């Protein structure tokens, strides 16, 4: 008898087009519920979602049959269409191209989960651009400044 074991945790961050504040925080739960549905339809598990008016953080376990790029394409395409049709998000023009995705070990899950939970507190001290730069640099990735507002 054989079986496969896996744990594919990702911390995913993506932003609105031009980092515009087009995701009203008073309606964020509607968006997060919609995104959760997409994640479930990809046979993946959502641990936490949160964000601010210009970006979203997701902690998810990605099903091994789903590629990261296909997952993000489906998530961003479907949610973008839904947001543009939803009267609660009248100024939403789309998601920015690209995303940041960081794999992590199970032992680091709670740290990232708490980081995502406390987004509103965190952003009282630091801008999204500063946060994004820090996350990318801390992952050892060289930043292409052409893609920052």
C-alpha atoms as a PDB file:
ATOM      1  CA  UNK A   1       0.000   0.000   0.000  1.00  0.00           C
ATOM      2  CA  UNK A   2       1.354   3.439  -0.893  1.00  0.00           C
ATOM      3  CA  UNK A   3       0.161   6.942  -0.318  1.00  0.00           C
ATOM      4  CA  UNK A   4       1.404  10.453  -0.910  1.00  0.00           C
ATOM      5  CA  UNK A   5       1.803  13.144   1.698  1.00  0.00           C
ATOM      6  CA  UNK A   6       2.081  16.822   1.008  1.00  0.00           C
ATOM      7  CA  UNK A   7       1.803  20.221   2.592  1.00  0.00           C
ATOM      8  CA  UNK A   8       1.987  23.067   0.080  1.00  0.00           C
ATOM      9  CA  UNK A   9       1.516  26.268   2.053  1.00  0.00           C
ATOM     10  CA  UNK A  10       1.671  29.604   0.296  1.00  0.00           C
ATOM     11  CA  UNK A  11       1.472  33.183   1.493  1.00  0.00           C
ATOM     12  CA  UNK A  12       0.080  35.028  -1.524  1.00  0.00           C
ATOM     13  CA  UNK A  13      -0.164  38.797  -1.953  1.00  0.00           C
ATOM     14  CA  UNK A  14      -1.639  40.713  -4.873  1.00  0.00           C
ATOM     15  CA  UNK A  15      -2.803  44.276  -5.343  1.00  0.00           C
ATOM     16  CA  UNK A  16      -5.328  46.332  -7.223  1.00  0.00           C
ATOM     17  CA  UNK A  17      -4.460  47.997 -10.503  1.00  0.00           C
ATOM     18  CA  UNK A  18      -2.114  50.929  -9.831  1.00  0.00           C
ATOM     19  CA  UNK A  19      -2.455  50.122  -6.094  1.00  0.00           C
ATOM     20  CA  UNK A  20      -5.670  52.118  -6.040  1.00  0.00           C
ATOM     21  CA  UNK A  21      -7.799  51.936  -2.878  1.00  0.00           C
ATOM     22  CA  UNK A  22     -10.803  50.342  -4.598  1.00  0.00           C
ATOM     23  CA  UNK A  23     -11.653  47.612  -2.072  1.00  0.00           C
ATOM     24  CA  UNK A  24     -13.777  49.323   0.600  1.00  0.00           C
ATOM     25  CA  UNK A  25     -12.979  47.690   3.932  1.00  0.00           C
ATOM     26  CA  UNK A  26     -16.652  47.731   4.944  1.00  0.00           C
ATOM     27  CA  UNK A  27     -17.354  45.253   2.112  1.00  0.00           C
ATOM     28  CA  UNK A  28     -14.202  43.134   2.371  1.00  0.00           C
ATOM     29  CA  UNK A  29     -16.007  40.123   3.883  1.00  0.00           C
ATOM     30  CA  UNK A  30     -18.082  39.749   0.696  1.00  0.00           C
ATOM     31  CA  UNK A  31     -14.907  39.655  -1.380  1.00  0.00           C
ATOM     32  CA  UNK A  32     -13.188  37.243   0.992  1.00  0.00           C
ATOM     33  CA  UNK A  33     -16.165  34.863   0.927  1.00  0.00           C
ATOM     34  CA  UNK A  34     -16.089  34.904  -2.863  1.00  0.00           C
ATOM     35  CA  UNK A  35     -12.341  34.206  -2.954  1.00  0.00           C
ATOM     36  CA  UNK A  36     -12.811  31.418  -0.395  1.00  0.00           C
ATOM     37  CA  UNK A  37     -15.299  29.788  -2.780  1.00  0.00           C
ATOM     38  CA  UNK A  38     -12.761  29.901  -5.607  1.00  0.00           C
ATOM     39  CA  UNK A  39     -10.119  28.330  -3.359  1.00  0.00           C
ATOM     40  CA  UNK A  40     -12.513  25.539  -2.317  1.00  0.00           C
ATOM     41  CA  UNK A  41     -13.369  24.901  -5.987  1.00  0.00           C
ATOM     42  CA  UNK A  42      -9.636  24.379  -6.580  1.00  0.00           C
ATOM     43  CA  UNK A  43      -9.646  21.646  -3.883  1.00  0.00           C
ATOM     44  CA  UNK A  44      -7.410  23.861  -1.775  1.00  0.00           C
ATOM     45  CA  UNK A  45      -7.687  25.024   1.822  1.00  0.00           C
ATOM     46  CA  UNK A  46      -7.882  28.635   2.961  1.00  0.00           C
ATOM     47  CA  UNK A  47      -6.276  29.284   6.340  1.00  0.00           C
ATOM     48  CA  UNK A  48      -6.647  33.050   6.347  1.00  0.00           C
ATOM     49  CA  UNK A  49      -7.478  35.965   4.076  1.00  0.00           C
ATOM     50  CA  UNK A  50      -7.267  39.654   4.898  1.00  0.00           C
ATOM     51  CA  UNK A  51      -5.966  42.848   3.421  1.00  0.00           C
ATOM     52  CA  UNK A  52      -6.484  46.517   2.950  1.00  0.00           C
ATOM     53  CA  UNK A  53      -8.257  48.657   0.376  1.00  0.00           C
ATOM     54  CA  UNK A  54      -5.498  48.111  -2.218  1.00  0.00           C
ATOM     55  CA  UNK A  55      -4.263  44.570  -1.598  1.00  0.00           C
ATOM     56  CA  UNK A  56      -5.082  41.075  -0.371  1.00  0.00           C
ATOM     57  CA  UNK A  57      -3.084  38.504   1.623  1.00  0.00           C
ATOM     58  CA  UNK A  58      -3.985  34.813   1.442  1.00  0.00           C
ATOM     59  CA  UNK A  59      -2.579  31.871   3.388  1.00  0.00           C
ATOM     60  CA  UNK A  60      -3.580  28.686   1.594  1.00  0.00           C
ATOM     61  CA  UNK A  61      -2.668  25.061   1.163  1.00  0.00           C
ATOM     62  CA  UNK A  62      -2.608  24.504  -2.581  1.00  0.00           C
ATOM     63  CA  UNK A  63      -3.818  21.162  -3.905  1.00  0.00           C
ATOM     64  CA  UNK A  64      -0.941  19.384  -5.706  1.00  0.00           C
ATOM     65  CA  UNK A  65      -2.912  19.051  -8.957  1.00  0.00           C
ATOM     66  CA  UNK A  66      -3.199  22.849  -9.220  1.00  0.00           C
ATOM     67  CA  UNK A  67      -0.252  24.914 -10.380  1.00  0.00           C
ATOM     68  CA  UNK A  68       0.394  28.165  -8.560  1.00  0.00           C
ATOM     69  CA  UNK A  69       0.129  30.238 -11.745  1.00  0.00           C
ATOM     70  CA  UNK A  70      -3.157  28.582 -12.802  1.00  0.00           C
ATOM     71  CA  UNK A  71      -4.523  29.068  -9.283  1.00  0.00           C
ATOM     72  CA  UNK A  72      -3.689  32.796  -9.282  1.00  0.00           C
ATOM     73  CA  UNK A  73      -4.998  33.280 -12.803  1.00  0.00           C
ATOM     74  CA  UNK A  74      -8.338  31.696 -11.891  1.00  0.00           C
ATOM     75  CA  UNK A  75      -8.537  33.544  -8.584  1.00  0.00           C
ATOM     76  CA  UNK A  76      -7.731  36.965 -10.016  1.00  0.00           C
ATOM     77  CA  UNK A  77      -9.803  36.570 -13.209  1.00  0.00           C
ATOM     78  CA  UNK A  78     -12.919  35.282 -11.447  1.00  0.00           C
ATOM     79  CA  UNK A  79     -12.765  37.765  -8.576  1.00  0.00           C
ATOM     80  CA  UNK A  80     -12.068  40.668 -10.934  1.00  0.00           C
ATOM     81  CA  UNK A  81     -15.189  39.895 -12.944  1.00  0.00           C
ATOM     82  CA  UNK A  82     -17.233  39.542  -9.754  1.00  0.00           C
ATOM     83  CA  UNK A  83     -15.878  42.797  -8.294  1.00  0.00           C
ATOM     84  CA  UNK A  84     -16.632  44.767 -11.470  1.00  0.00           C
ATOM     85  CA  UNK A  85     -20.245  43.517 -11.403  1.00  0.00           C
ATOM     86  CA  UNK A  86     -20.732  44.146  -7.663  1.00  0.00           C
ATOM     87  CA  UNK A  87     -22.219  47.533  -6.709  1.00  0.00           C
ATOM     88  CA  UNK A  88     -20.256  47.502  -3.425  1.00  0.00           C
ATOM     89  CA  UNK A  89     -17.001  47.939  -5.398  1.00  0.00           C
ATOM     90  CA  UNK A  90     -17.870  50.714  -7.895  1.00  0.00           C
ATOM     91  CA  UNK A  91     -14.313  51.969  -8.401  1.00  0.00           C
ATOM     92  CA  UNK A  92     -12.584  48.616  -8.878  1.00  0.00           C
ATOM     93  CA  UNK A  93     -10.767  48.599 -12.250  1.00  0.00           C
ATOM     94  CA  UNK A  94      -8.935  45.301 -11.940  1.00  0.00           C
ATOM     95  CA  UNK A  95      -6.000  43.602 -10.292  1.00  0.00           C
ATOM     96  CA  UNK A  96      -2.434  44.599 -11.040  1.00  0.00           C
ATOM     97  CA  UNK A  97      -0.405  42.215 -13.142  1.00  0.00           C
ATOM     98  CA  UNK A  98       1.611  39.723 -11.179  1.00  0.00           C
ATOM     99  CA  UNK A  99       1.625  38.671  -7.562  1.00  0.00           C
ATOM    100  CA  UNK A 100       3.950  37.608  -4.770  1.00  0.00           C
ATOM    101  CA  UNK A 101       3.805  34.020  -3.534  1.00  0.00           C
ATOM    102  CA  UNK A 102       5.995  32.597  -0.822  1.00  0.00           C
ATOM    103  CA  UNK A 103       6.120  28.950   0.153  1.00  0.00           C
ATOM    104  CA  UNK A 104       6.473  28.265   3.840  1.00  0.00           C
ATOM    105  CA  UNK A 105       7.033  25.434   6.252  1.00  0.00           C
ATOM    106  CA  UNK A 106       4.203  24.237   8.478  1.00  0.00           C
ATOM    107  CA  UNK A 107       6.081  25.423  11.562  1.00  0.00           C
ATOM    108  CA  UNK A 108       5.833  29.012  10.232  1.00  0.00           C
ATOM    109  CA  UNK A 109       2.101  28.839   9.506  1.00  0.00           C
ATOM    110  CA  UNK A 110       0.931  30.520  12.714  1.00  0.00           C
ATOM    111  CA  UNK A 111       3.387  33.399  12.325  1.00  0.00           C
ATOM    112  CA  UNK A 112       2.117  34.186   8.821  1.00  0.00           C
ATOM    113  CA  UNK A 113      -1.493  33.598   9.871  1.00  0.00           C
ATOM    114  CA  UNK A 114      -1.144  36.166  12.667  1.00  0.00           C
ATOM    115  CA  UNK A 115       0.607  38.576  10.309  1.00  0.00           C
ATOM    116  CA  UNK A 116      -2.375  38.369   7.946  1.00  0.00           C
ATOM    117  CA  UNK A 117      -4.927  38.700  10.764  1.00  0.00           C
ATOM    118  CA  UNK A 118      -3.310  41.946  11.941  1.00  0.00           C
ATOM    119  CA  UNK A 119      -3.150  43.748   8.595  1.00  0.00           C
ATOM    120  CA  UNK A 120      -5.124  46.794   9.766  1.00  0.00           C
ATOM    121  CA  UNK A 121      -2.822  47.301  12.768  1.00  0.00           C
ATOM    122  CA  UNK A 122       0.291  46.640  10.698  1.00  0.00           C
ATOM    123  CA  UNK A 123      -0.676  49.254   8.094  1.00  0.00           C
ATOM    124  CA  UNK A 124      -1.004  51.982  10.674  1.00  0.00           C
ATOM    125  CA  UNK A 125       2.818  51.919  10.733  1.00  0.00           C
ATOM    126  CA  UNK A 126       3.853  50.883   7.244  1.00  0.00           C
ATOM    127  CA  UNK A 127       2.544  51.442   3.699  1.00  0.00           C
ATOM    128  CA  UNK A 128       1.669  48.626   1.346  1.00  0.00           C
ATOM    129  CA  UNK A 129       4.639  49.474  -0.890  1.00  0.00           C
ATOM    130  CA  UNK A 130       7.015  49.208   2.093  1.00  0.00           C
ATOM    131  CA  UNK A 131       5.386  45.956   3.202  1.00  0.00           C
ATOM    132  CA  UNK A 132       5.586  44.449  -0.292  1.00  0.00           C
ATOM    133  CA  UNK A 133       9.243  45.424  -0.695  1.00  0.00           C
ATOM    134  CA  UNK A 134      10.075  43.906   2.687  1.00  0.00           C
ATOM    135  CA  UNK A 135       8.265  40.632   1.982  1.00  0.00           C
ATOM    136  CA  UNK A 136      10.023  40.251  -1.362  1.00  0.00           C
ATOM    137  CA  UNK A 137      13.470  41.164  -0.031  1.00  0.00           C
ATOM    138  CA  UNK A 138      13.066  38.876   3.012  1.00  0.00           C
ATOM    139  CA  UNK A 139      12.348  36.006   0.608  1.00  0.00           C
ATOM    140  CA  UNK A 140      15.685  36.662  -1.105  1.00  0.00           C
ATOM    141  CA  UNK A 141      14.110  37.902  -4.329  1.00  0.00           C
ATOM    142  CA  UNK A 142      15.539  40.797  -6.321  1.00  0.00           C
ATOM    143  CA  UNK A 143      12.954  43.537  -6.824  1.00  0.00           C
ATOM    144  CA  UNK A 144      12.185  44.985 -10.244  1.00  0.00           C
ATOM    145  CA  UNK A 145      11.322  48.598  -9.390  1.00  0.00           C
ATOM    146  CA  UNK A 146       9.556  49.113 -12.731  1.00  0.00           C
ATOM    147  CA  UNK A 147       6.524  47.333 -11.293  1.00  0.00           C
ATOM    148  CA  UNK A 148       6.079  49.534  -8.256  1.00  0.00           C
ATOM    149  CA  UNK A 149       3.901  52.647  -8.185  1.00  0.00           C
END
